[in-house]
PDB file of N, CA and C in Angstrom:
ATOM      1  N   MET A   1     188.322 157.972 -85.748  1.00  0.00           N
ATOM      2  CA  MET A   1     189.722 158.197 -86.028  1.00  0.00           C
ATOM      3  C   MET A   1     189.836 159.492 -86.841  1.00  0.00           C
ATOM      4  N   LEU A   2     190.740 160.342 -86.428  1.00  0.00           N
ATOM      5  CA  LEU A   2     190.989 161.595 -87.148  1.00  0.00           C
ATOM      6  C   LEU A   2     192.148 161.391 -88.113  1.00  0.00           C
ATOM      7  N   LYS A   3     191.993 161.872 -89.327  1.00  0.00           N
ATOM      8  CA  LYS A   3     193.057 161.757 -90.326  1.00  0.00           C
ATOM      9  C   LYS A   3     193.154 163.052 -91.112  1.00  0.00           C
ATOM     10  N   ASP A   4     194.371 163.410 -91.453  1.00  0.00           N
ATOM     11  CA  ASP A   4     194.642 164.537 -92.351  1.00  0.00           C
ATOM     12  C   ASP A   4     193.958 165.842 -91.919  1.00  0.00           C
ATOM     13  N   ILE A   5     194.138 166.199 -90.657  1.00  0.00           N
ATOM     14  CA  ILE A   5     193.580 167.449 -90.136  1.00  0.00           C
ATOM     15  C   ILE A   5     194.705 168.472 -90.054  1.00  0.00           C
ATOM     16  N   ASN A   6     194.538 169.607 -90.687  1.00  0.00           N
ATOM     17  CA  ASN A   6     195.459 170.729 -90.590  1.00  0.00           C
ATOM     18  C   ASN A   6     194.639 171.937 -90.188  1.00  0.00           C
ATOM     19  N   LEU A   7     195.041 172.591 -89.107  1.00  0.00           N
ATOM     20  CA  LEU A   7     194.240 173.679 -88.573  1.00  0.00           C
ATOM     21  C   LEU A   7     195.156 174.733 -87.978  1.00  0.00           C
ATOM     22  N   THR A   8     194.967 175.981 -88.377  1.00  0.00           N
ATOM     23  CA  THR A   8     195.710 177.100 -87.813  1.00  0.00           C
ATOM     24  C   THR A   8     194.712 178.184 -87.452  1.00  0.00           C
ATOM     25  N   LEU A   9     194.766 178.631 -86.207  1.00  0.00           N
ATOM     26  CA  LEU A   9     193.871 179.687 -85.737  1.00  0.00           C
ATOM     27  C   LEU A   9     194.687 180.846 -85.198  1.00  0.00           C
ATOM     28  N   GLU A  10     194.209 182.042 -85.427  1.00  0.00           N
ATOM     29  CA  GLU A  10     194.852 183.239 -84.895  1.00  0.00           C
ATOM     30  C   GLU A  10     194.436 183.434 -83.439  1.00  0.00           C
ATOM     31  N   PRO A  11     195.244 184.128 -82.639  1.00  0.00           N
ATOM     32  CA  PRO A  11     194.874 184.397 -81.242  1.00  0.00           C
ATOM     33  C   PRO A  11     193.514 185.090 -81.166  1.00  0.00           C
ATOM     34  N   GLY A  12     192.680 184.627 -80.249  1.00  0.00           N
ATOM     35  CA  GLY A  12     191.350 185.193 -80.070  1.00  0.00           C
ATOM     36  C   GLY A  12     190.294 184.633 -80.992  1.00  0.00           C
ATOM     37  N   ALA A  13     190.675 183.716 -81.880  1.00  0.00           N
ATOM     38  CA  ALA A  13     189.724 183.143 -82.837  1.00  0.00           C
ATOM     39  C   ALA A  13     188.784 182.166 -82.141  1.00  0.00           C
ATOM     40  N   THR A  14     187.630 181.959 -82.737  1.00  0.00           N
ATOM     41  CA  THR A  14     186.640 181.015 -82.238  1.00  0.00           C
ATOM     42  C   THR A  14     186.442 179.937 -83.289  1.00  0.00           C
ATOM     43  N   LEU A  15     186.329 178.692 -82.841  1.00  0.00           N
ATOM     44  CA  LEU A  15     186.158 177.562 -83.744  1.00  0.00           C
ATOM     45  C   LEU A  15     184.924 176.780 -83.336  1.00  0.00           C
ATOM     46  N   GLY A  16     184.084 176.469 -84.281  1.00  0.00           N
ATOM     47  CA  GLY A  16     182.938 175.599 -84.055  1.00  0.00           C
ATOM     48  C   GLY A  16     183.051 174.402 -84.974  1.00  0.00           C
ATOM     49  N   LEU A  17     182.756 173.219 -84.462  1.00  0.00           N
ATOM     50  CA  LEU A  17     182.837 171.998 -85.264  1.00  0.00           C
ATOM     51  C   LEU A  17     181.439 171.443 -85.485  1.00  0.00           C
ATOM     52  N   ILE A  18     181.125 171.180 -86.725  1.00  0.00           N
ATOM     53  CA  ILE A  18     179.823 170.625 -87.092  1.00  0.00           C
ATOM     54  C   ILE A  18     180.070 169.396 -87.949  1.00  0.00           C
ATOM     55  N   GLY A  19     179.352 168.330 -87.669  1.00  0.00           N
ATOM     56  CA  GLY A  19     179.498 167.120 -88.474  1.00  0.00           C
ATOM     57  C   GLY A  19     178.553 166.041 -87.994  1.00  0.00           C
ATOM     58  N   ILE A  20     178.503 164.959 -88.732  1.00  0.00           N
ATOM     59  CA  ILE A  20     177.630 163.840 -88.382  1.00  0.00           C
ATOM     60  C   ILE A  20     178.199 163.097 -87.177  1.00  0.00           C
ATOM     61  N   ASN A  21     177.361 162.286 -86.549  1.00  0.00           N
ATOM     62  CA  ASN A  21     177.810 161.480 -85.415  1.00  0.00           C
ATOM     63  C   ASN A  21     178.964 160.581 -85.846  1.00  0.00           C
ATOM     64  N   GLY A  22     179.985 160.515 -85.009  1.00  0.00           N
ATOM     65  CA  GLY A  22     181.125 159.656 -85.290  1.00  0.00           C
ATOM     66  C   GLY A  22     182.170 160.272 -86.189  1.00  0.00           C
ATOM     67  N   SER A  23     182.038 161.548 -86.512  1.00  0.00           N
ATOM     68  CA  SER A  23     183.000 162.175 -87.423  1.00  0.00           C
ATOM     69  C   SER A  23     184.262 162.665 -86.722  1.00  0.00           C
ATOM     70  N   GLY A  24     184.286 162.650 -85.383  1.00  0.00           N
ATOM     71  CA  GLY A  24     185.505 163.017 -84.658  1.00  0.00           C
ATOM     72  C   GLY A  24     185.502 164.405 -84.051  1.00  0.00           C
ATOM     73  N   LYS A  25     184.353 165.048 -83.973  1.00  0.00           N
ATOM     74  CA  LYS A  25     184.276 166.409 -83.423  1.00  0.00           C
ATOM     75  C   LYS A  25     184.757 166.450 -81.980  1.00  0.00           C
ATOM     76  N   SER A  26     184.190 165.608 -81.132  1.00  0.00           N
ATOM     77  CA  SER A  26     184.569 165.597 -79.714  1.00  0.00           C
ATOM     78  C   SER A  26     186.015 165.155 -79.543  1.00  0.00           C
ATOM     79  N   THR A  27     186.450 164.200 -80.329  1.00  0.00           N
ATOM     80  CA  THR A  27     187.834 163.736 -80.249  1.00  0.00           C
ATOM     81  C   THR A  27     188.798 164.866 -80.570  1.00  0.00           C
ATOM     82  N   LEU A  28     188.528 165.618 -81.629  1.00  0.00           N
ATOM     83  CA  LEU A  28     189.385 166.739 -81.993  1.00  0.00           C
ATOM     84  C   LEU A  28     189.411 167.789 -80.892  1.00  0.00           C
ATOM     85  N   LEU A  29     188.254 168.136 -80.332  1.00  0.00           N
ATOM     86  CA  LEU A  29     188.217 169.112 -79.245  1.00  0.00           C
ATOM     87  C   LEU A  29     188.975 168.628 -78.019  1.00  0.00           C
ATOM     88  N   LYS A  30     188.869 167.333 -77.717  1.00  0.00           N
ATOM     89  CA  LYS A  30     189.587 166.782 -76.568  1.00  0.00           C
ATOM     90  C   LYS A  30     191.094 166.830 -76.788  1.00  0.00           C
ATOM     91  N   VAL A  31     191.554 166.574 -77.997  1.00  0.00           N
ATOM     92  CA  VAL A  31     192.988 166.651 -78.298  1.00  0.00           C
ATOM     93  C   VAL A  31     193.461 168.101 -78.216  1.00  0.00           C
ATOM     94  N   ILE A  32     192.704 169.024 -78.805  1.00  0.00           N
ATOM     95  CA  ILE A  32     193.083 170.431 -78.789  1.00  0.00           C
ATOM     96  C   ILE A  32     193.122 170.975 -77.361  1.00  0.00           C
ATOM     97  N   SER A  33     192.161 170.566 -76.524  1.00  0.00           N
ATOM     98  CA  SER A  33     192.094 171.073 -75.153  1.00  0.00           C
ATOM     99  C   SER A  33     192.954 170.268 -74.183  1.00  0.00           C
ATOM    100  N   ARG A  34     193.661 169.293 -74.685  1.00  0.00           N
ATOM    101  CA  ARG A  34     194.573 168.450 -73.903  1.00  0.00           C
ATOM    102  C   ARG A  34     193.857 167.598 -72.858  1.00  0.00           C
ATOM    103  N   CYS A  35     192.591 167.278 -73.108  1.00  0.00           N
ATOM    104  CA  CYS A  35     191.870 166.335 -72.251  1.00  0.00           C
ATOM    105  C   CYS A  35     192.214 164.907 -72.667  1.00  0.00           C
ATOM    106  N   MET A  36     192.733 164.771 -73.872  1.00  0.00           N
ATOM    107  CA  MET A  36     193.068 163.471 -74.454  1.00  0.00           C
ATOM    108  C   MET A  36     194.304 163.673 -75.330  1.00  0.00           C
ATOM    109  N   TYR A  37     195.171 162.700 -75.371  1.00  0.00           N
ATOM    110  CA  TYR A  37     196.376 162.821 -76.185  1.00  0.00           C
ATOM    111  C   TYR A  37     196.304 161.878 -77.370  1.00  0.00           C
ATOM    112  N   GLN A  38     196.771 162.351 -78.508  1.00  0.00           N
ATOM    113  CA  GLN A  38     196.726 161.550 -79.723  1.00  0.00           C
ATOM    114  C   GLN A  38     197.785 160.454 -79.667  1.00  0.00           C
ATOM    115  N   THR A  39     197.555 159.392 -80.428  1.00  0.00           N
ATOM    116  CA  THR A  39     198.499 158.273 -80.477  1.00  0.00           C
ATOM    117  C   THR A  39     199.433 158.381 -81.675  1.00  0.00           C
ATOM    118  N   ALA A  40     199.138 159.282 -82.593  1.00  0.00           N
ATOM    119  CA  ALA A  40     199.994 159.499 -83.762  1.00  0.00           C
ATOM    120  C   ALA A  40     199.887 160.957 -84.169  1.00  0.00           C
ATOM    121  N   GLY A  41     200.840 161.419 -84.920  1.00  0.00           N
ATOM    122  CA  GLY A  41     200.816 162.804 -85.378  1.00  0.00           C
ATOM    123  C   GLY A  41     201.231 163.757 -84.286  1.00  0.00           C
ATOM    124  N   ARG A  42     200.912 165.027 -84.463  1.00  0.00           N
ATOM    125  CA  ARG A  42     201.281 166.012 -83.449  1.00  0.00           C
ATOM    126  C   ARG A  42     200.227 167.095 -83.360  1.00  0.00           C
ATOM    127  N   CYS A  43     200.183 167.710 -82.209  1.00  0.00           N
ATOM    128  CA  CYS A  43     199.261 168.808 -81.956  1.00  0.00           C
ATOM    129  C   CYS A  43     200.072 169.890 -81.244  1.00  0.00           C
ATOM    130  N   GLU A  44     200.314 170.991 -81.928  1.00  0.00           N
ATOM    131  CA  GLU A  44     201.080 172.095 -81.354  1.00  0.00           C
ATOM    132  C   GLU A  44     200.127 173.177 -80.894  1.00  0.00           C
ATOM    133  N   ILE A  45     200.222 173.536 -79.629  1.00  0.00           N
ATOM    134  CA  ILE A  45     199.358 174.563 -79.065  1.00  0.00           C
ATOM    135  C   ILE A  45     200.241 175.601 -78.402  1.00  0.00           C
ATOM    136  N   HIS A  46     200.027 176.846 -78.764  1.00  0.00           N
ATOM    137  CA  HIS A  46     200.765 177.953 -78.175  1.00  0.00           C
ATOM    138  C   HIS A  46     199.745 178.862 -77.498  1.00  0.00           C
ATOM    139  N   GLY A  47     199.819 178.988 -76.194  1.00  0.00           N
ATOM    140  CA  GLY A  47     198.858 179.816 -75.463  1.00  0.00           C
ATOM    141  C   GLY A  47     197.813 178.973 -74.768  1.00  0.00           C
ATOM    142  N   ARG A  48     196.685 179.593 -74.483  1.00  0.00           N
ATOM    143  CA  ARG A  48     195.608 178.933 -73.740  1.00  0.00           C
ATOM    144  C   ARG A  48     194.473 178.533 -74.673  1.00  0.00           C
ATOM    145  N   VAL A  49     193.817 177.442 -74.297  1.00  0.00           N
ATOM    146  CA  VAL A  49     192.681 176.941 -75.072  1.00  0.00           C
ATOM    147  C   VAL A  49     191.551 176.644 -74.103  1.00  0.00           C
ATOM    148  N   GLY A  50     190.353 177.053 -74.452  1.00  0.00           N
ATOM    149  CA  GLY A  50     189.162 176.704 -73.684  1.00  0.00           C
ATOM    150  C   GLY A  50     188.197 175.996 -74.607  1.00  0.00           C
ATOM    151  N   ALA A  51     187.659 174.870 -74.163  1.00  0.00           N
ATOM    152  CA  ALA A  51     186.753 174.099 -75.019  1.00  0.00           C
ATOM    153  C   ALA A  51     185.486 173.741 -74.252  1.00  0.00           C
ATOM    154  N   LEU A  52     184.373 173.796 -74.933  1.00  0.00           N
ATOM    155  CA  LEU A  52     183.109 173.324 -74.383  1.00  0.00           C
ATOM    156  C   LEU A  52     182.866 171.936 -74.948  1.00  0.00           C
ATOM    157  N   LEU A  53     182.959 170.950 -74.082  1.00  0.00           N
ATOM    158  CA  LEU A  53     182.751 169.566 -74.503  1.00  0.00           C
ATOM    159  C   LEU A  53     181.449 169.043 -73.912  1.00  0.00           C
ATOM    160  N   GLU A  54     180.759 168.231 -74.669  1.00  0.00           N
ATOM    161  CA  GLU A  54     179.548 167.582 -74.183  1.00  0.00           C
ATOM    162  C   GLU A  54     178.549 168.590 -73.639  1.00  0.00           C
ATOM    163  N   VAL A  55     178.104 169.495 -74.470  1.00  0.00           N
ATOM    164  CA  VAL A  55     177.171 170.531 -74.031  1.00  0.00           C
ATOM    165  C   VAL A  55     175.716 170.145 -74.291  1.00  0.00           C
ATOM    166  N   ARG A  56     175.411 168.878 -74.182  1.00  0.00           N
ATOM    167  CA  ARG A  56     174.046 168.418 -74.449  1.00  0.00           C
ATOM    168  C   ARG A  56     173.082 168.847 -73.360  1.00  0.00           C
ATOM    169  N   GLY A  57     173.490 168.734 -72.101  1.00  0.00           N
ATOM    170  CA  GLY A  57     172.604 169.049 -70.983  1.00  0.00           C
ATOM    171  C   GLY A  57     172.707 170.507 -70.577  1.00  0.00           C
ATOM    172  N   GLY A  58     171.632 171.029 -70.037  1.00  0.00           N
ATOM    173  CA  GLY A  58     171.648 172.384 -69.523  1.00  0.00           C
ATOM    174  C   GLY A  58     171.472 173.466 -70.563  1.00  0.00           C
ATOM    175  N   ILE A  59     171.081 173.105 -71.767  1.00  0.00           N
ATOM    176  CA  ILE A  59     170.875 174.096 -72.828  1.00  0.00           C
ATOM    177  C   ILE A  59     169.428 174.595 -72.760  1.00  0.00           C
ATOM    178  N   ASN A  60     169.270 175.903 -72.711  1.00  0.00           N
ATOM    179  CA  ASN A  60     167.943 176.510 -72.715  1.00  0.00           C
ATOM    180  C   ASN A  60     167.615 176.913 -74.153  1.00  0.00           C
ATOM    181  N   PRO A  61     166.628 176.290 -74.776  1.00  0.00           N
ATOM    182  CA  PRO A  61     166.334 176.565 -76.197  1.00  0.00           C
ATOM    183  C   PRO A  61     165.832 177.982 -76.463  1.00  0.00           C
ATOM    184  N   THR A  62     165.404 178.697 -75.426  1.00  0.00           N
ATOM    185  CA  THR A  62     164.921 180.061 -75.636  1.00  0.00           C
ATOM    186  C   THR A  62     166.052 181.081 -75.646  1.00  0.00           C
ATOM    187  N   LEU A  63     167.271 180.664 -75.293  1.00  0.00           N
ATOM    188  CA  LEU A  63     168.422 181.563 -75.286  1.00  0.00           C
ATOM    189  C   LEU A  63     169.291 181.335 -76.510  1.00  0.00           C
ATOM    190  N   SER A  64     170.087 182.339 -76.849  1.00  0.00           N
ATOM    191  CA  SER A  64     171.018 182.192 -77.972  1.00  0.00           C
ATOM    192  C   SER A  64     172.186 181.306 -77.531  1.00  0.00           C
ATOM    193  N   GLY A  65     173.008 180.905 -78.476  1.00  0.00           N
ATOM    194  CA  GLY A  65     174.197 180.111 -78.150  1.00  0.00           C
ATOM    195  C   GLY A  65     175.108 180.841 -77.187  1.00  0.00           C
ATOM    196  N   ARG A  66     175.345 182.123 -77.435  1.00  0.00           N
ATOM    197  CA  ARG A  66     176.202 182.927 -76.560  1.00  0.00           C
ATOM    198  C   ARG A  66     175.624 183.024 -75.151  1.00  0.00           C
ATOM    199  N   GLU A  67     174.301 183.222 -75.043  1.00  0.00           N
ATOM    200  CA  GLU A  67     173.667 183.323 -73.738  1.00  0.00           C
ATOM    201  C   GLU A  67     173.724 182.005 -72.976  1.00  0.00           C
ATOM    202  N   ASN A  68     173.614 180.884 -73.668  1.00  0.00           N
ATOM    203  CA  ASN A  68     173.708 179.577 -73.006  1.00  0.00           C
ATOM    204  C   ASN A  68     175.111 179.340 -72.465  1.00  0.00           C
ATOM    205  N   ILE A  69     176.116 179.845 -73.154  1.00  0.00           N
ATOM    206  CA  ILE A  69     177.483 179.658 -72.678  1.00  0.00           C
ATOM    207  C   ILE A  69     177.682 180.437 -71.407  1.00  0.00           C
TER     208      ILE A  69
END
């Protein structure tokens, strides 16, 4: 469950989420990318959003994060 999240990003900004298992990282990304809709509160998005969800498979450890993307 996500609670008390306030987030403002400028156009062209990049966001990375880091946290322990069950902290809501994937849930927040799914709400921001409109793959999932919240049941309370609001999420205002102006413009386009691209999100990488569930990137566990297909990662080459010899490449950088940018190269893997």
